[in-house]
Amino acid sequence: MSYGGADFDLLPHGVQGYRFILQSGPLPVTWFFKKPNARDPWGIRIVVGSLFLATQGLGMVRAYTAKTLERLGVRYGPHQVSIGRTDFCVDILAPEFEPTPENFVIHSHTNRADHPL
């Protein structure tokens, strides 16, 4: 679908209170939209894939989301933006490192299975 010059794939379902799920861009960006509700100011959630963030940087991600929101006609102020979560990964060159499975903290309902490295 296209709206205001922004192209999306509309998923045939919603999830967890979000009525619509849209996917956009050559690098994965997923948009979740709730039905407008004055008691819930967080009506849009945006999930940016790590490839986009790693290859283009936070500045480009923010510019892309701002431009897309502008094309959709969404007006918002700085106080209405919240980064909910950031995931990161670090590669460490440490050939002598061997994890000790007993030192990992896991949820009590998790089935644990150790595999040789």
N, C-alpha and C. Protein backbone atom coordinates (compact mmCIF):
# COMPACT_ATOMS: atom_id res chain seq x y z
N MET A 1 0.84 -1.16 0.00
CA MET A 1 0.00 0.00 0.00
C MET A 1 0.89 1.23 0.00
N SER A 2 0.35 2.33 -0.47
CA SER A 2 1.09 3.59 -0.51
C SER A 2 0.21 4.69 0.08
N TYR A 3 0.83 5.55 0.91
CA TYR A 3 0.11 6.67 1.49
C TYR A 3 1.08 7.83 1.65
N GLY A 4 0.76 8.96 1.07
CA GLY A 4 1.59 10.15 1.20
C GLY A 4 2.99 9.98 0.64
N GLY A 5 3.16 9.06 -0.28
CA GLY A 5 4.47 8.82 -0.85
C GLY A 5 5.29 7.80 -0.08
N ALA A 6 4.73 7.23 0.97
CA ALA A 6 5.41 6.18 1.74
C ALA A 6 4.80 4.84 1.36
N ASP A 7 5.65 3.87 1.04
CA ASP A 7 5.19 2.55 0.63
C ASP A 7 5.36 1.55 1.77
N PHE A 8 4.34 0.72 1.95
CA PHE A 8 4.34 -0.27 3.02
C PHE A 8 3.75 -1.59 2.53
N ASP A 9 4.11 -2.66 3.22
CA ASP A 9 3.39 -3.92 3.12
C ASP A 9 2.52 -3.99 4.37
N LEU A 10 1.20 -4.19 4.18
CA LEU A 10 0.26 -4.28 5.29
C LEU A 10 0.06 -5.74 5.65
N LEU A 11 0.38 -6.10 6.89
CA LEU A 11 0.18 -7.47 7.33
C LEU A 11 -1.30 -7.73 7.57
N PRO A 12 -1.75 -8.97 7.39
CA PRO A 12 -3.19 -9.27 7.49
C PRO A 12 -3.68 -9.42 8.93
N HIS A 13 -2.90 -8.98 9.91
CA HIS A 13 -3.29 -9.13 11.31
C HIS A 13 -2.64 -8.01 12.14
N GLY A 14 -3.14 -7.84 13.34
CA GLY A 14 -2.53 -6.94 14.30
C GLY A 14 -1.89 -7.77 15.41
N VAL A 15 -1.41 -7.09 16.45
CA VAL A 15 -0.79 -7.83 17.56
C VAL A 15 -0.76 -6.95 18.81
N GLN A 16 -1.04 -7.52 19.96
CA GLN A 16 -0.91 -6.89 21.27
C GLN A 16 -1.46 -5.47 21.33
N GLY A 17 -2.69 -5.29 20.93
CA GLY A 17 -3.33 -3.98 21.01
C GLY A 17 -3.09 -3.08 19.81
N TYR A 18 -2.21 -3.46 18.93
CA TYR A 18 -1.97 -2.68 17.72
C TYR A 18 -2.85 -3.25 16.61
N ARG A 19 -3.65 -2.40 16.01
CA ARG A 19 -4.61 -2.83 15.00
C ARG A 19 -3.94 -3.14 13.67
N PHE A 20 -2.92 -2.35 13.31
CA PHE A 20 -2.27 -2.52 12.01
C PHE A 20 -0.77 -2.70 12.17
N ILE A 21 -0.21 -3.55 11.34
CA ILE A 21 1.24 -3.73 11.28
C ILE A 21 1.66 -3.49 9.84
N LEU A 22 2.59 -2.56 9.66
CA LEU A 22 3.10 -2.23 8.33
C LEU A 22 4.60 -2.46 8.31
N GLN A 23 5.11 -2.92 7.18
CA GLN A 23 6.55 -3.07 7.01
C GLN A 23 6.98 -2.20 5.85
N SER A 24 8.14 -1.56 6.00
CA SER A 24 8.57 -0.62 4.97
C SER A 24 10.07 -0.62 4.80
N GLY A 25 10.48 -0.03 3.70
CA GLY A 25 11.88 0.26 3.46
C GLY A 25 12.69 -0.92 2.96
N PRO A 26 13.81 -0.61 2.32
CA PRO A 26 14.70 -1.66 1.84
C PRO A 26 15.41 -2.36 3.01
N LEU A 27 15.55 -1.65 4.12
CA LEU A 27 16.08 -2.23 5.35
C LEU A 27 14.91 -2.33 6.32
N PRO A 28 14.80 -3.43 7.06
CA PRO A 28 13.57 -3.70 7.81
C PRO A 28 13.18 -2.62 8.83
N VAL A 29 11.98 -2.09 8.64
CA VAL A 29 11.35 -1.20 9.62
C VAL A 29 9.90 -1.67 9.73
N THR A 30 9.44 -1.93 10.96
CA THR A 30 8.07 -2.38 11.18
C THR A 30 7.35 -1.30 11.98
N TRP A 31 6.16 -0.95 11.50
CA TRP A 31 5.35 0.11 12.11
C TRP A 31 4.09 -0.54 12.70
N PHE A 32 3.80 -0.25 13.96
CA PHE A 32 2.61 -0.76 14.64
C PHE A 32 1.71 0.44 14.95
N PHE A 33 0.44 0.35 14.57
CA PHE A 33 -0.50 1.46 14.78
C PHE A 33 -1.68 0.99 15.61
N LYS A 34 -2.00 1.76 16.66
CA LYS A 34 -3.19 1.52 17.46
C LYS A 34 -4.32 2.41 16.96
N LYS A 35 -5.54 2.05 17.32
CA LYS A 35 -6.67 2.94 17.09
C LYS A 35 -6.47 4.14 18.01
N PRO A 36 -6.63 5.37 17.50
CA PRO A 36 -6.42 6.56 18.34
C PRO A 36 -7.24 6.51 19.63
N ASN A 37 -6.60 6.87 20.74
CA ASN A 37 -7.24 6.82 22.04
C ASN A 37 -6.60 7.92 22.90
N ALA A 38 -7.40 8.85 23.38
CA ALA A 38 -6.89 9.97 24.18
C ALA A 38 -6.21 9.50 25.46
N ARG A 39 -6.61 8.35 25.98
CA ARG A 39 -6.01 7.83 27.22
C ARG A 39 -4.69 7.10 26.98
N ASP A 40 -4.35 6.86 25.72
CA ASP A 40 -3.11 6.14 25.39
C ASP A 40 -2.34 6.96 24.36
N PRO A 41 -1.40 7.79 24.80
CA PRO A 41 -0.69 8.65 23.86
C PRO A 41 0.32 7.92 22.98
N TRP A 42 0.65 6.67 23.29
CA TRP A 42 1.65 5.93 22.52
C TRP A 42 0.96 5.09 21.46
N GLY A 43 0.45 5.74 20.44
CA GLY A 43 -0.34 5.06 19.41
C GLY A 43 0.47 4.43 18.30
N ILE A 44 1.74 4.78 18.19
CA ILE A 44 2.59 4.24 17.12
C ILE A 44 3.86 3.69 17.75
N ARG A 45 4.22 2.49 17.35
CA ARG A 45 5.49 1.89 17.77
C ARG A 45 6.27 1.57 16.51
N ILE A 46 7.54 1.88 16.51
CA ILE A 46 8.40 1.65 15.35
C ILE A 46 9.54 0.73 15.78
N VAL A 47 9.71 -0.36 15.06
CA VAL A 47 10.81 -1.28 15.34
C VAL A 47 11.75 -1.25 14.14
N VAL A 48 12.98 -0.86 14.40
CA VAL A 48 13.99 -0.74 13.35
C VAL A 48 14.93 -1.93 13.43
N GLY A 49 15.15 -2.58 12.30
CA GLY A 49 16.06 -3.72 12.26
C GLY A 49 17.50 -3.32 12.50
N SER A 50 18.27 -4.24 13.04
CA SER A 50 19.66 -3.95 13.37
C SER A 50 20.50 -3.65 12.14
N LEU A 51 20.16 -4.24 10.99
CA LEU A 51 20.93 -3.99 9.77
C LEU A 51 20.86 -2.51 9.39
N PHE A 52 19.68 -1.93 9.46
CA PHE A 52 19.49 -0.51 9.14
C PHE A 52 20.33 0.35 10.10
N LEU A 53 20.21 0.08 11.39
CA LEU A 53 20.93 0.86 12.39
C LEU A 53 22.45 0.70 12.25
N ALA A 54 22.90 -0.52 12.03
CA ALA A 54 24.35 -0.77 11.94
C ALA A 54 24.97 -0.18 10.69
N THR A 55 24.25 -0.23 9.57
CA THR A 55 24.84 0.24 8.31
C THR A 55 24.60 1.72 8.04
N GLN A 56 23.53 2.30 8.58
CA GLN A 56 23.20 3.69 8.28
C GLN A 56 23.38 4.64 9.46
N GLY A 57 23.35 4.11 10.68
CA GLY A 57 23.53 4.94 11.86
C GLY A 57 22.23 5.50 12.40
N LEU A 58 22.27 5.90 13.67
CA LEU A 58 21.07 6.40 14.34
C LEU A 58 20.53 7.67 13.67
N GLY A 59 21.40 8.55 13.20
CA GLY A 59 20.95 9.78 12.55
C GLY A 59 20.10 9.50 11.33
N MET A 60 20.52 8.55 10.51
CA MET A 60 19.75 8.20 9.31
C MET A 60 18.43 7.52 9.68
N VAL A 61 18.46 6.68 10.70
CA VAL A 61 17.23 6.03 11.16
C VAL A 61 16.23 7.07 11.63
N ARG A 62 16.70 8.03 12.42
CA ARG A 62 15.79 9.08 12.91
C ARG A 62 15.26 9.93 11.76
N ALA A 63 16.11 10.25 10.79
CA ALA A 63 15.67 11.04 9.63
C ALA A 63 14.63 10.26 8.82
N TYR A 64 14.87 8.98 8.62
CA TYR A 64 13.93 8.14 7.86
C TYR A 64 12.57 8.06 8.56
N THR A 65 12.59 7.81 9.87
CA THR A 65 11.31 7.70 10.58
C THR A 65 10.59 9.05 10.62
N ALA A 66 11.33 10.14 10.81
CA ALA A 66 10.71 11.48 10.82
C ALA A 66 10.08 11.79 9.47
N LYS A 67 10.78 11.49 8.39
CA LYS A 67 10.26 11.75 7.04
C LYS A 67 9.02 10.90 6.77
N THR A 68 9.06 9.64 7.19
CA THR A 68 7.91 8.76 6.97
C THR A 68 6.71 9.24 7.78
N LEU A 69 6.92 9.63 9.04
CA LEU A 69 5.82 10.15 9.85
C LEU A 69 5.25 11.43 9.24
N GLU A 70 6.12 12.27 8.69
CA GLU A 70 5.66 13.49 8.01
C GLU A 70 4.79 13.13 6.81
N ARG A 71 5.22 12.16 6.02
CA ARG A 71 4.44 11.73 4.85
C ARG A 71 3.08 11.17 5.26
N LEU A 72 3.03 10.55 6.44
CA LEU A 72 1.77 10.00 6.93
C LEU A 72 0.89 11.07 7.59
N GLY A 73 1.42 12.27 7.75
CA GLY A 73 0.64 13.35 8.36
C GLY A 73 0.60 13.29 9.88
N VAL A 74 1.56 12.58 10.48
CA VAL A 74 1.61 12.45 11.93
C VAL A 74 2.39 13.64 12.51
N ARG A 75 1.73 14.39 13.39
CA ARG A 75 2.39 15.51 14.06
C ARG A 75 2.75 15.08 15.48
N TYR A 76 3.97 15.41 15.90
CA TYR A 76 4.43 15.03 17.23
C TYR A 76 5.53 15.98 17.67
N GLY A 77 5.76 16.03 18.96
CA GLY A 77 6.83 16.85 19.52
C GLY A 77 7.90 15.97 20.14
N PRO A 78 9.05 16.57 20.48
CA PRO A 78 10.15 15.79 21.07
C PRO A 78 9.75 15.04 22.34
N HIS A 79 8.82 15.62 23.12
CA HIS A 79 8.39 14.97 24.36
C HIS A 79 7.51 13.74 24.10
N GLN A 80 7.13 13.52 22.85
CA GLN A 80 6.28 12.39 22.51
C GLN A 80 7.07 11.24 21.88
N VAL A 81 8.38 11.31 21.93
CA VAL A 81 9.24 10.27 21.37
C VAL A 81 9.96 9.57 22.52
N SER A 82 9.93 8.26 22.51
CA SER A 82 10.60 7.49 23.55
C SER A 82 11.28 6.28 22.92
N ILE A 83 12.57 6.12 23.17
CA ILE A 83 13.27 4.91 22.71
C ILE A 83 13.03 3.86 23.77
N GLY A 84 12.29 2.82 23.39
CA GLY A 84 11.88 1.80 24.35
C GLY A 84 12.92 0.75 24.62
N ARG A 85 13.76 0.46 23.64
CA ARG A 85 14.73 -0.61 23.82
C ARG A 85 15.81 -0.50 22.76
N THR A 86 17.02 -0.83 23.13
CA THR A 86 18.12 -0.88 22.17
C THR A 86 18.86 -2.19 22.40
N ASP A 87 19.03 -2.96 21.35
CA ASP A 87 19.80 -4.20 21.43
C ASP A 87 21.15 -3.95 20.79
N PHE A 88 22.17 -4.59 21.31
CA PHE A 88 23.48 -4.46 20.69
C PHE A 88 24.24 -5.78 20.82
N CYS A 89 25.22 -5.92 19.97
CA CYS A 89 26.04 -7.12 19.95
C CYS A 89 27.49 -6.69 19.83
N VAL A 90 28.36 -7.38 20.54
CA VAL A 90 29.78 -7.07 20.49
C VAL A 90 30.54 -8.36 20.21
N ASP A 91 31.42 -8.33 19.24
CA ASP A 91 32.30 -9.46 18.97
C ASP A 91 33.60 -9.24 19.71
N ILE A 92 34.03 -10.25 20.46
CA ILE A 92 35.26 -10.15 21.23
C ILE A 92 36.20 -11.26 20.76
N LEU A 93 37.41 -10.88 20.40
CA LEU A 93 38.42 -11.86 20.02
C LEU A 93 39.11 -12.33 21.30
N ALA A 94 38.74 -13.52 21.76
CA ALA A 94 39.30 -14.07 23.00
C ALA A 94 39.35 -15.59 22.85
N PRO A 95 40.35 -16.11 22.12
CA PRO A 95 40.41 -17.54 21.85
C PRO A 95 40.46 -18.41 23.11
N GLU A 96 40.96 -17.86 24.21
CA GLU A 96 41.08 -18.66 25.43
C GLU A 96 39.79 -18.67 26.26
N PHE A 97 38.80 -17.89 25.86
CA PHE A 97 37.55 -17.79 26.62
C PHE A 97 36.70 -19.04 26.42
N GLU A 98 36.28 -19.63 27.52
CA GLU A 98 35.36 -20.76 27.48
C GLU A 98 34.24 -20.48 28.47
N PRO A 99 33.00 -20.34 27.98
CA PRO A 99 31.90 -20.07 28.90
C PRO A 99 31.64 -21.28 29.81
N THR A 100 31.28 -21.00 31.05
CA THR A 100 30.92 -22.04 32.00
C THR A 100 29.40 -22.05 32.11
N PRO A 101 28.74 -23.09 31.58
CA PRO A 101 27.27 -23.10 31.55
C PRO A 101 26.62 -22.88 32.91
N GLU A 102 27.24 -23.35 33.98
CA GLU A 102 26.66 -23.20 35.32
C GLU A 102 26.62 -21.73 35.76
N ASN A 103 27.38 -20.87 35.13
CA ASN A 103 27.42 -19.46 35.52
C ASN A 103 26.34 -18.61 34.84
N PHE A 104 25.58 -19.20 33.93
CA PHE A 104 24.52 -18.46 33.25
C PHE A 104 23.25 -18.47 34.09
N VAL A 105 22.61 -17.33 34.20
CA VAL A 105 21.36 -17.21 34.93
C VAL A 105 20.23 -17.32 33.91
N ILE A 106 19.35 -18.28 34.11
CA ILE A 106 18.23 -18.47 33.19
C ILE A 106 16.94 -18.59 33.99
N HIS A 107 15.82 -18.34 33.34
CA HIS A 107 14.52 -18.42 33.99
C HIS A 107 14.27 -19.85 34.46
N SER A 108 13.62 -19.99 35.60
CA SER A 108 13.40 -21.31 36.19
C SER A 108 12.53 -22.22 35.32
N HIS A 109 11.72 -21.65 34.44
CA HIS A 109 10.85 -22.46 33.57
C HIS A 109 11.52 -22.80 32.24
N THR A 110 12.75 -22.39 32.07
CA THR A 110 13.47 -22.65 30.82
C THR A 110 14.09 -24.04 30.86
N ASN A 111 13.92 -24.77 29.77
CA ASN A 111 14.61 -26.06 29.64
C ASN A 111 16.02 -25.78 29.17
N ARG A 112 16.97 -26.23 29.94
CA ARG A 112 18.37 -25.95 29.62
C ARG A 112 18.98 -27.16 28.91
N ALA A 113 19.72 -26.87 27.86
CA ALA A 113 20.44 -27.92 27.13
C ALA A 113 21.82 -27.37 26.79
N ASP A 114 22.85 -27.98 27.32
CA ASP A 114 24.22 -27.55 27.04
C ASP A 114 24.74 -28.30 25.82
N HIS A 115 25.46 -27.59 24.99
CA HIS A 115 26.05 -28.18 23.78
C HIS A 115 27.55 -27.92 23.80
N PRO A 116 28.35 -28.91 23.41
CA PRO A 116 29.80 -28.68 23.39
C PRO A 116 30.17 -27.61 22.37
N LEU A 117 31.19 -26.82 22.71
CA LEU A 117 31.63 -25.77 21.79
C LEU A 117 32.61 -26.29 20.79
